[in-house]
Amino acid sequence: MTYTRRACPTCDGYLAEQIHRLRLKTPDGHPLEDGYDVVACLSCGTGFADVEIAQDYYDLYYANQAKYASEAATGTQTISAAEPAWKAERLKEAASLIASMLVDKDSRILDIGCANGTLLGALQEVGFLDVRGIDPSPGSAAMAKSHYGVQVDVGTFSDLPSDLGIYDCVCVTGVLEHVFDIKAAMRTLVELLRPGGIIYLDVPDASRYLQPYISPFEDFSTEHVNHFSLSTLKTLGNRFGLATLHFDQFITELVLGVPCAAIRLVWQQRSPHHHFSGVIRDEELVASLYDFTSRSQAEFVEIEQQLEARLIDQDEFAIWGIGEYTFKLLASDPLVRRKAVALVDGNSARWGMSVGGVRVKSPDSLLTLSASVPLIIGSRLSEQPIRLAIAKLRLENQVLST
C-alpha cells in the first residue's frame, strides 16, 4: 500500500498498490523524466500514473505535437487519410447511437477533443444541425471547421470559449485516458449539460489489455495516464450524478490490422439531489493490470537480450521512430550503455525536440550517418512503413527491429 501523489481519477482516493514502475527516457524537459509508477486504487481498482503534473503541459503537447495536430499543421494529410476507414466507421456507430437517444434533430451537441472533426461530420450525416467542436490544436480545429462547415474552437477543459451555453449531448472520444485532472474535467462536462442531457465517451478498456495484447507496456505511456474499466467508469459517472444509460465493450483497431479493446458508454444526468452510492473495487481490472504487466515485462526482457546480443560490438546506435515505444527502448539497459548518435522521425512536429541531448531530425539526415552505425526501428506498429522508407533512402546500415 502507498499514499499516492495524485488522487485516483475515479473515486478521488489516495491509497493504492504499485502495479509497475515504468522506465522511460522522455524528451528533454518532459515532466515525466525517467518514468513513473503505475498504481491501482485500493478503493475502486482504477489504474493510473502516480505523478502530479499540471495539465498545462499536456494541453500544449496536444496542441502542437500529437498526431492530428502535426498532420493539420504540416498539411501532409487530408481528412480521409487522417481518419482511416476503421476509425471513421467507429465514429459513425457513435453518431448512430447518439441519434437513437436524441430524437430531436435540433438537439445541441458538443464534441470536446474533436480532432479533425470526423464525429461532427457523422453527426451531421444522421441529421443533427447544431453541432460544435473544440480541440486544443489550432490546425485540427481549422481543418475540421473548413471540411465540415461547423463551428470549431481552439480550447481545452480549462480554457473553454465563454459562449458555449448548455448542450443536450457532450462527446469525449479517446479523451479521458489522457486527462490528469479528471475531477475538473467531469465538473466541466456536467456543467455543460442541460437537465437530462447525455455524455458520450469511449476509452481503451484496461480490463482487456490482454484481449487482445498489442505490445509490451503499450497502454502504459506518457499519454495514457488513466486506466479505466466498465465498472470504474460507472463509478466515476455515479460520483458526478450521472447514470450509465448505455455501455458496450467492443474491439476496434489501433492502427490498420492491430486490434485493441475499448469501451463506449453513455451517461445521463440525474436529479440534482442524487447522492453518490459508494465504491466497489474492480478486482478483475486490478488482475488484468498485473497480468498485462507480467506479460509485458517478460517480453521486454527478451527484447533487451536480443538488443544486447545484436549490439555486442557496437558503442553507438541510431533510431528511426521517436514515440512511446522508443521512450521505453531508450531506458533499456542495452541502449543506456551505448550512445545514440542519430534520432529521426517522419513526423515533422517532432523535429527539433531533443532526447538525451540528441536532436530529432528528418529521415533524410541519415544519409550522412556512418554505415557502420546500426539503425533500430523504434516502432512496432509502424515497422513496415519505416522499412520501406529506409529502402527508399538506400541506407547500408544494419537495420534492427525489436
Protein backbone atom coordinates (compact mmCIF):
# COMPACT_ATOMS: atom_id res chain seq x y z
CA MET A 1 0.00 0.00 0.00
CA THR A 2 1.19 3.51 -0.78
CA TYR A 3 -0.10 7.03 -0.39
CA THR A 4 -0.25 8.43 -3.90
CA ARG A 5 0.88 11.82 -5.10
CA ARG A 6 -2.21 12.15 -7.25
CA ALA A 7 -5.82 11.37 -6.42
CA CYS A 8 -7.48 8.39 -8.06
CA PRO A 9 -9.25 9.72 -11.19
CA THR A 10 -12.35 7.64 -10.43
CA CYS A 11 -13.02 7.89 -6.69
CA ASP A 12 -10.56 10.60 -5.55
CA GLY A 13 -8.80 8.25 -3.12
CA TYR A 14 -5.12 8.44 -2.17
CA LEU A 15 -4.35 4.82 -1.24
CA ALA A 16 -3.09 2.44 -3.91
CA GLU A 17 -0.90 -0.54 -4.64
CA GLN A 18 2.01 -0.39 -7.09
CA ILE A 19 1.50 -2.32 -10.31
CA HIS A 20 4.68 -1.39 -12.18
CA ARG A 21 7.50 1.13 -12.29
CA LEU A 22 7.53 2.32 -15.91
CA ARG A 23 11.05 3.20 -17.05
CA LEU A 24 11.24 5.93 -19.68
CA LYS A 25 13.72 8.22 -21.33
CA THR A 26 11.48 11.11 -22.26
CA PRO A 27 12.26 14.19 -24.37
CA ASP A 28 14.45 16.73 -22.61
CA GLY A 29 12.32 18.92 -20.34
CA HIS A 30 9.41 16.46 -20.23
CA PRO A 31 7.90 16.44 -16.71
CA LEU A 32 7.74 12.63 -16.58
CA GLU A 33 11.55 12.49 -16.87
CA ASP A 34 12.68 8.87 -16.25
CA GLY A 35 9.24 7.36 -15.71
CA TYR A 36 6.57 6.85 -13.07
CA ASP A 37 4.69 4.29 -11.00
CA VAL A 38 1.53 2.75 -12.40
CA VAL A 39 -0.75 2.05 -9.44
CA ALA A 40 -4.20 0.60 -8.76
CA CYS A 41 -6.55 2.36 -6.37
CA LEU A 42 -7.27 0.37 -3.23
CA SER A 43 -10.86 1.59 -3.16
CA CYS A 44 -12.08 1.20 -6.76
CA GLY A 45 -9.25 -0.54 -8.66
CA THR A 46 -8.67 2.15 -11.28
CA GLY A 47 -5.15 2.16 -12.68
CA PHE A 48 -3.35 5.46 -13.06
CA ALA A 49 0.01 7.19 -13.34
CA ASP A 50 1.04 8.22 -9.85
CA VAL A 51 2.62 11.52 -10.76
CA GLU A 52 1.45 15.06 -10.21
CA ILE A 53 1.78 17.16 -13.35
CA ALA A 54 -0.01 20.33 -14.33
CA GLN A 55 -2.44 19.72 -17.20
CA ASP A 56 -0.99 22.78 -18.97
CA TYR A 57 1.99 20.77 -20.26
CA TYR A 58 -0.27 18.23 -21.92
CA ASP A 59 -2.60 20.88 -23.29
CA LEU A 60 0.40 22.35 -25.12
CA TYR A 61 1.54 18.93 -26.31
CA TYR A 62 -1.86 18.06 -27.76
CA ALA A 63 -1.99 21.44 -29.42
CA ASN A 64 1.33 21.04 -31.21
CA GLN A 65 2.81 17.55 -31.26
CA ALA A 66 0.04 14.96 -31.10
CA LYS A 67 -0.91 13.02 -34.23
CA TYR A 68 -3.76 15.18 -35.52
CA ALA A 69 -2.08 18.43 -34.53
CA SER A 70 1.04 17.64 -36.55
CA GLU A 71 -0.88 16.41 -39.59
CA ALA A 72 -3.05 19.50 -39.66
CA ALA A 73 -0.13 21.88 -39.09
CA THR A 74 2.01 20.42 -41.87
CA GLY A 75 -0.84 19.89 -44.29
CA THR A 76 0.52 16.43 -45.12
CA GLN A 77 -2.78 14.64 -44.56
CA THR A 78 -6.29 15.06 -45.88
CA ILE A 79 -9.30 14.36 -43.70
CA SER A 80 -9.84 10.98 -45.33
CA ALA A 81 -6.19 10.00 -44.92
CA ALA A 82 -6.01 11.16 -41.32
CA GLU A 83 -9.09 9.10 -40.44
CA PRO A 84 -8.74 5.51 -41.64
CA ALA A 85 -11.89 3.60 -42.54
CA TRP A 86 -11.99 1.65 -39.28
CA LYS A 87 -11.96 4.84 -37.19
CA ALA A 88 -14.49 6.61 -39.38
CA GLU A 89 -16.77 3.58 -39.00
CA ARG A 90 -16.39 3.64 -35.21
CA LEU A 91 -17.41 7.29 -35.11
CA LYS A 92 -20.36 6.62 -37.43
CA GLU A 93 -21.51 4.00 -34.94
CA ALA A 94 -21.17 6.61 -32.18
CA ALA A 95 -23.30 9.06 -34.15
CA SER A 96 -25.98 6.40 -34.72
CA LEU A 97 -26.05 5.58 -31.01
CA ILE A 98 -26.43 9.25 -30.11
CA ALA A 99 -29.19 9.61 -32.70
CA SER A 100 -31.08 6.72 -31.10
CA MET A 101 -31.08 8.61 -27.80
CA LEU A 102 -31.73 12.14 -29.05
CA VAL A 103 -34.94 12.13 -31.11
CA ASP A 104 -34.93 15.90 -31.67
CA LYS A 105 -32.54 16.72 -34.51
CA ASP A 106 -32.34 20.29 -33.19
CA SER A 107 -30.52 18.96 -30.12
CA ARG A 108 -27.27 20.80 -29.36
CA ILE A 109 -24.17 18.58 -29.46
CA LEU A 110 -20.61 19.49 -28.43
CA ASP A 111 -17.54 17.35 -29.22
CA ILE A 112 -14.58 18.11 -26.93
CA GLY A 113 -11.32 16.84 -28.40
CA CYS A 114 -12.89 16.68 -31.85
CA ALA A 115 -9.54 16.29 -33.69
CA ASN A 116 -10.21 16.66 -37.42
CA GLY A 117 -13.98 16.61 -36.95
CA THR A 118 -14.96 13.16 -38.18
CA LEU A 119 -17.56 12.65 -35.44
CA LEU A 120 -19.01 16.08 -36.18
CA GLY A 121 -19.40 15.05 -39.82
CA ALA A 122 -21.02 11.76 -38.81
CA LEU A 123 -23.48 13.60 -36.58
CA GLN A 124 -24.42 15.85 -39.48
CA GLU A 125 -24.98 12.80 -41.68
CA VAL A 126 -27.58 11.43 -39.26
CA GLY A 127 -29.43 14.76 -39.28
CA PHE A 128 -28.14 16.88 -36.40
CA LEU A 129 -27.93 20.55 -37.31
CA ASP A 130 -26.50 22.18 -34.19
CA VAL A 131 -23.05 20.62 -33.70
CA ARG A 132 -19.90 22.28 -32.44
CA GLY A 133 -16.35 21.14 -31.74
CA ILE A 134 -13.43 22.04 -29.51
CA ASP A 135 -9.83 20.89 -29.90
CA PRO A 136 -6.51 22.06 -28.43
CA SER A 137 -4.84 22.03 -31.84
CA PRO A 138 -5.38 25.17 -33.96
CA GLY A 139 -4.58 23.18 -37.10
CA SER A 140 -7.07 20.43 -36.30
CA ALA A 141 -9.75 22.96 -35.39
CA ALA A 142 -9.25 24.82 -38.66
CA MET A 143 -9.30 21.60 -40.69
CA ALA A 144 -12.49 20.37 -39.03
CA LYS A 145 -14.18 23.73 -39.45
CA SER A 146 -13.30 24.06 -43.14
CA HIS A 147 -14.16 20.48 -44.04
CA TYR A 148 -17.48 20.18 -42.23
CA GLY A 149 -18.63 23.80 -42.14
CA VAL A 150 -19.28 23.80 -38.40
CA GLN A 151 -18.03 25.98 -35.58
CA VAL A 152 -14.86 24.54 -34.08
CA ASP A 153 -12.96 26.45 -31.40
CA VAL A 154 -9.46 26.05 -30.01
CA GLY A 155 -9.73 25.14 -26.35
CA THR A 156 -9.28 22.67 -23.51
CA PHE A 157 -11.25 21.70 -20.42
CA SER A 158 -9.51 24.50 -18.51
CA ASP A 159 -9.83 27.07 -21.30
CA LEU A 160 -13.22 26.84 -22.99
CA PRO A 161 -14.96 29.51 -25.08
CA SER A 162 -17.15 31.76 -22.95
CA ASP A 163 -20.21 31.47 -25.21
CA LEU A 164 -20.74 27.71 -25.10
CA GLY A 165 -24.00 27.59 -23.18
CA ILE A 166 -25.51 24.17 -22.41
CA TYR A 167 -25.94 21.06 -24.55
CA ASP A 168 -28.17 18.05 -24.98
CA CYS A 169 -25.08 15.89 -25.57
CA VAL A 170 -21.36 16.32 -24.97
CA CYS A 171 -18.94 13.88 -26.61
CA VAL A 172 -15.44 12.93 -25.41
CA THR A 173 -13.97 10.19 -27.60
CA GLY A 174 -10.50 8.95 -26.71
CA VAL A 175 -10.02 11.79 -24.23
CA LEU A 176 -10.42 10.79 -20.57
CA GLU A 177 -7.48 8.37 -20.61
CA HIS A 178 -5.24 11.39 -21.29
CA VAL A 179 -6.52 13.82 -18.65
CA PHE A 180 -4.66 14.34 -15.36
CA ASP A 181 -7.33 16.44 -13.69
CA ILE A 182 -10.36 14.21 -14.17
CA LYS A 183 -12.28 15.92 -11.37
CA ALA A 184 -12.14 19.29 -13.12
CA ALA A 185 -12.97 17.72 -16.48
CA MET A 186 -16.01 15.92 -15.07
CA ARG A 187 -17.29 19.06 -13.39
CA THR A 188 -16.99 20.87 -16.70
CA LEU A 189 -18.86 18.12 -18.56
CA VAL A 190 -21.72 18.19 -16.05
CA GLU A 191 -21.92 21.99 -16.16
CA LEU A 192 -22.27 21.86 -19.95
CA LEU A 193 -25.29 19.54 -19.82
CA ARG A 194 -28.91 20.55 -19.79
CA PRO A 195 -31.08 18.65 -17.25
CA GLY A 196 -31.39 15.10 -18.50
CA GLY A 197 -28.61 15.58 -21.06
CA ILE A 198 -26.18 12.84 -22.04
CA ILE A 199 -22.41 12.38 -22.30
CA TYR A 200 -20.98 10.03 -24.93
CA LEU A 201 -17.46 8.71 -24.34
CA ASP A 202 -15.10 5.97 -25.38
CA VAL A 203 -11.77 4.90 -23.86
CA PRO A 204 -9.39 1.93 -24.04
CA ASP A 205 -10.65 -0.99 -21.93
CA ALA A 206 -7.96 -1.59 -19.30
CA SER A 207 -9.69 -4.75 -18.13
CA ARG A 208 -8.87 -6.25 -21.55
CA TYR A 209 -5.31 -5.10 -22.25
CA LEU A 210 -4.55 -8.76 -22.96
CA GLN A 211 -7.68 -9.32 -25.07
CA PRO A 212 -6.02 -8.65 -27.45
CA TYR A 213 -2.43 -8.00 -26.38
CA ILE A 214 -0.63 -5.48 -28.62
CA SER A 215 2.96 -4.96 -27.45
CA PRO A 216 4.88 -4.60 -24.17
CA PHE A 217 3.51 -1.80 -22.00
CA GLU A 218 1.56 -0.42 -24.97
CA ASP A 219 -1.00 1.38 -22.81
CA PHE A 220 1.46 2.45 -20.10
CA SER A 221 2.87 5.58 -21.69
CA THR A 222 3.48 9.30 -21.44
CA GLU A 223 -0.03 9.90 -22.84
CA HIS A 224 -2.30 7.28 -21.27
CA VAL A 225 -2.34 8.20 -17.59
CA ASN A 226 -5.71 6.69 -16.59
CA HIS A 227 -6.74 3.03 -16.99
CA PHE A 228 -10.50 2.55 -16.75
CA SER A 229 -12.81 -0.43 -16.90
CA LEU A 230 -16.56 -0.52 -17.42
CA SER A 231 -17.05 -0.84 -13.67
CA THR A 232 -14.84 2.13 -12.81
CA LEU A 233 -16.45 4.29 -15.47
CA LYS A 234 -19.86 3.55 -13.95
CA THR A 235 -18.44 4.54 -10.55
CA LEU A 236 -16.97 7.74 -11.98
CA GLY A 237 -20.26 8.73 -13.54
CA ASN A 238 -22.20 7.90 -10.37
CA ARG A 239 -19.85 10.11 -8.37
CA PHE A 240 -20.85 13.09 -10.51
CA GLY A 241 -24.58 12.38 -10.59
CA LEU A 242 -24.56 10.54 -13.92
CA ALA A 243 -26.42 7.31 -14.58
CA THR A 244 -24.98 4.81 -17.07
CA LEU A 245 -27.61 4.69 -19.79
CA HIS A 246 -25.73 2.51 -22.29
CA PHE A 247 -22.44 0.65 -22.50
CA ASP A 248 -20.66 -1.55 -24.99
CA GLN A 249 -17.31 -3.33 -24.77
CA PHE A 250 -16.00 -3.74 -28.31
CA ILE A 251 -12.93 -4.39 -30.44
CA THR A 252 -11.61 -1.69 -32.75
CA GLU A 253 -8.23 -1.11 -34.39
CA LEU A 254 -5.33 0.89 -33.01
CA VAL A 255 -3.79 1.02 -36.46
CA LEU A 256 -4.69 -0.98 -39.56
CA GLY A 257 -4.66 -4.67 -38.70
CA VAL A 258 -3.88 -4.18 -35.00
CA PRO A 259 -6.99 -4.82 -32.86
CA CYS A 260 -7.48 -3.29 -29.43
CA ALA A 261 -10.18 -3.40 -26.75
CA ALA A 262 -12.33 -0.37 -25.99
CA ILE A 263 -15.45 0.76 -24.13
CA ARG A 264 -18.17 3.11 -25.33
CA LEU A 265 -20.57 4.43 -22.76
CA VAL A 266 -23.39 6.96 -22.37
CA TRP A 267 -24.04 8.78 -19.12
CA GLN A 268 -27.25 10.68 -18.42
CA GLN A 269 -27.58 13.48 -15.93
CA ARG A 270 -29.64 12.53 -12.91
CA SER A 271 -31.60 14.61 -10.44
CA PRO A 272 -29.54 17.35 -8.73
CA HIS A 273 -30.48 15.66 -5.43
CA HIS A 274 -28.71 12.41 -6.42
CA HIS A 275 -26.32 11.00 -3.82
CA PHE A 276 -23.15 9.07 -4.58
CA SER A 277 -23.85 5.41 -3.80
CA GLY A 278 -20.30 4.36 -2.93
CA VAL A 279 -17.46 2.32 -4.41
CA ILE A 280 -16.89 -1.35 -5.12
CA ARG A 281 -13.35 -2.36 -6.11
CA ASP A 282 -12.97 -3.86 -9.57
CA GLU A 283 -10.67 -6.78 -8.76
CA GLU A 284 -10.83 -8.04 -12.35
CA LEU A 285 -9.33 -4.76 -13.54
CA VAL A 286 -6.52 -4.99 -10.99
CA ALA A 287 -5.78 -8.58 -12.01
CA SER A 288 -5.76 -7.52 -15.67
CA LEU A 289 -3.22 -4.77 -14.97
CA TYR A 290 -0.95 -7.23 -13.15
CA ASP A 291 -1.26 -9.83 -15.94
CA PHE A 292 -0.58 -7.21 -18.60
CA THR A 293 2.49 -6.07 -16.68
CA SER A 294 3.76 -9.63 -16.26
CA ARG A 295 3.46 -10.46 -19.96
CA SER A 296 4.93 -7.10 -20.99
CA GLN A 297 7.87 -7.47 -18.63
CA ALA A 298 8.67 -10.97 -19.87
CA GLU A 299 8.63 -9.82 -23.49
CA PHE A 300 10.64 -6.72 -22.77
CA VAL A 301 13.37 -8.82 -21.11
CA GLU A 302 13.60 -10.80 -24.36
CA ILE A 303 13.83 -7.56 -26.34
CA GLU A 304 16.68 -6.35 -24.14
CA GLN A 305 18.53 -9.65 -24.52
CA GLN A 306 18.18 -9.57 -28.31
CA LEU A 307 19.35 -5.96 -28.48
CA GLU A 308 22.37 -6.70 -26.32
CA ALA A 309 23.33 -9.65 -28.49
CA ARG A 310 22.98 -7.71 -31.74
CA LEU A 311 24.81 -4.66 -30.43
CA ILE A 312 27.57 -6.63 -28.73
CA ASP A 313 30.40 -4.99 -30.74
CA GLN A 314 28.72 -1.60 -31.04
CA ASP A 315 29.13 1.54 -28.95
CA GLU A 316 26.70 3.68 -30.95
CA PHE A 317 23.25 3.37 -32.48
CA ALA A 318 20.58 5.35 -34.34
CA ILE A 319 16.80 5.09 -34.02
CA TRP A 320 14.06 5.78 -36.57
CA GLY A 321 10.75 6.47 -34.84
CA ILE A 322 10.54 8.73 -31.78
CA GLY A 323 7.41 7.79 -29.88
CA GLU A 324 6.16 5.87 -26.89
CA TYR A 325 7.90 2.60 -27.76
CA THR A 326 11.24 4.34 -28.28
CA PHE A 327 10.96 6.17 -24.95
CA LYS A 328 10.89 2.70 -23.35
CA LEU A 329 13.68 1.30 -25.53
CA LEU A 330 15.97 4.21 -24.70
CA ALA A 331 15.57 3.41 -20.99
CA SER A 332 16.55 -0.25 -21.55
CA ASP A 333 19.93 -1.44 -20.29
CA PRO A 334 21.46 -2.17 -23.73
CA LEU A 335 20.76 1.35 -25.01
CA VAL A 336 21.57 3.13 -21.75
CA ARG A 337 25.08 1.67 -22.03
CA ARG A 338 25.51 2.93 -25.59
CA LYS A 339 25.44 6.30 -27.31
CA ALA A 340 22.59 7.49 -29.52
CA VAL A 341 24.16 9.38 -32.43
CA ALA A 342 21.02 9.93 -34.51
CA LEU A 343 17.29 10.13 -33.79
CA VAL A 344 14.87 10.58 -36.68
CA ASP A 345 11.12 10.58 -37.19
CA GLY A 346 8.78 11.01 -40.13
CA ASN A 347 6.54 13.31 -38.06
CA SER A 348 7.87 16.82 -38.66
CA ALA A 349 6.29 18.03 -35.40
CA ARG A 350 8.96 16.04 -33.58
CA TRP A 351 11.89 17.54 -35.48
CA GLY A 352 13.88 19.82 -33.21
CA MET A 353 12.94 18.16 -29.92
CA SER A 354 15.86 16.51 -28.17
CA VAL A 355 16.21 13.33 -26.14
CA GLY A 356 19.32 12.95 -24.02
CA GLY A 357 20.79 15.97 -25.77
CA VAL A 358 20.35 14.42 -29.23
CA ARG A 359 18.15 16.45 -31.54
CA VAL A 360 15.44 14.67 -33.53
CA LYS A 361 15.85 15.25 -37.26
CA SER A 362 14.22 14.27 -40.52
CA PRO A 363 14.91 10.83 -42.02
CA ASP A 364 16.98 12.44 -44.80
CA SER A 365 19.61 13.32 -42.17
CA LEU A 366 20.54 9.61 -42.05
CA LEU A 367 22.17 9.99 -45.46
CA THR A 368 25.23 11.37 -43.65
CA LEU A 369 25.24 8.68 -40.97
CA SER A 370 28.18 6.28 -40.97
CA ALA A 371 27.17 2.95 -42.49
CA SER A 372 28.76 1.18 -39.51
CA VAL A 373 26.12 2.52 -37.08
CA PRO A 374 23.18 0.12 -36.60
CA LEU A 375 19.74 1.61 -37.18
CA ILE A 376 17.00 0.50 -34.78
CA ILE A 377 13.36 0.66 -35.85
CA GLY A 378 11.73 2.36 -32.87
CA SER A 379 8.18 1.28 -33.58
CA ARG A 380 6.29 -1.97 -33.80
CA LEU A 381 3.07 -0.55 -35.16
CA SER A 382 4.83 1.33 -37.99
CA GLU A 383 7.68 -1.08 -38.69
CA GLN A 384 6.73 -1.82 -42.30
CA PRO A 385 6.37 1.82 -43.40
CA ILE A 386 9.71 2.61 -41.76
CA ARG A 387 11.38 -0.32 -43.54
CA LEU A 388 10.02 0.91 -46.85
CA ALA A 389 11.31 4.42 -46.16
CA ILE A 390 14.74 3.03 -45.24
CA ALA A 391 14.82 1.11 -48.52
CA LYS A 392 13.97 4.27 -50.48
CA LEU A 393 16.92 6.06 -48.89
CA ARG A 394 19.16 3.13 -49.87
CA LEU A 395 20.84 3.11 -46.48
CA GLU A 396 23.55 0.49 -46.00
CA ASN A 397 23.27 0.42 -42.20
CA GLN A 398 22.35 -2.75 -40.38
CA VAL A 399 18.62 -2.44 -39.57
CA LEU A 400 17.42 -3.87 -36.27
CA SER A 401 13.79 -4.48 -35.36
CA THR A 402 12.58 -5.49 -31.92
